[in-house]
Amino acid sequence: MRLGEADRIVTFVGRGQGKIRAVAKGVRKTKSRFGGRLEPFTQVSLVMWRGRSDLDIVTQVDAVESNRPVREDLDRFALGQVMLEAVDRVVQEKEGSPRVFNLLVEGLRGLGASGSPLVLAWFLLRLSSVAGFAPSLSDCTECGATPAVWFSPGQGGAVCAACRTPEAAPVAPGVLKLLNDLLVEGAWMKTDPEVMAAAARLARSYAEYHLERRLRSGGASEALAARP
């Protein structure tokens, strides 16, 4: 967020501090002393001065990990934006959340390395679990029956035909297994584009339901996954 002609309010997520909003003075100047170290997705070490207002002031920034591949590729950037949106919803101001911080670091690394939209699906599933609403992806979440071939975010994930509510949607073969493999093993492998797109869509819809927020960039993952 811009502040005056040269300053900007920057939002950080800290391992032990939660969400922090601080003023970076002069960051919009051509010869800013912060350089590119306050670009999106960059992991940094900060020194801040606590002012009289609710906003701290950034006094020193050292880059720890740039995540440049995410920032410089449009597809990766779009997927990374969804990660940041979701984290912004989960993490509270000045309340430490080391598990979410570590998950974001791992997710951005994976996104930079592969660029697969399944990295985002994995991230949203893991974030849902960390936030306390892990989905059921095999047995019916209501009665435990298997196979469960319907999916309902409101019911907690996979459901059988007998337990499904009207908002539950049928799931194509292989989609729930792919999501379960992502959640359990954390491995994103290239598979059928239609299965990938369906998996990305379910992961996003589940996260949006429980975060109570529509992820503005969320459709990017399905579009990328559907590419042949």
Foldseek 3Di string as FASTA:
>chain_A
DDDPDAKDWAWDQDQAFWIATAIEGRNRPPPRPCPCCRPPPWDWDFDWADDPDSHIYTDDIDTDGGLVLLVPDPLSVLLLLLLVVLSVLQIDGGHHDNVSVVLNVVLSVVCSVPVALVSSLLSLQVVCVSSPQHADLAAALPPRDPGFFKFDLVSRTGHHPVPDDPVIGGHDPPQSVQSVCCNPVVDDDQDQLVSQLRNLVRSQVNSCVVSVHRRPSSNSSSVVSNDD
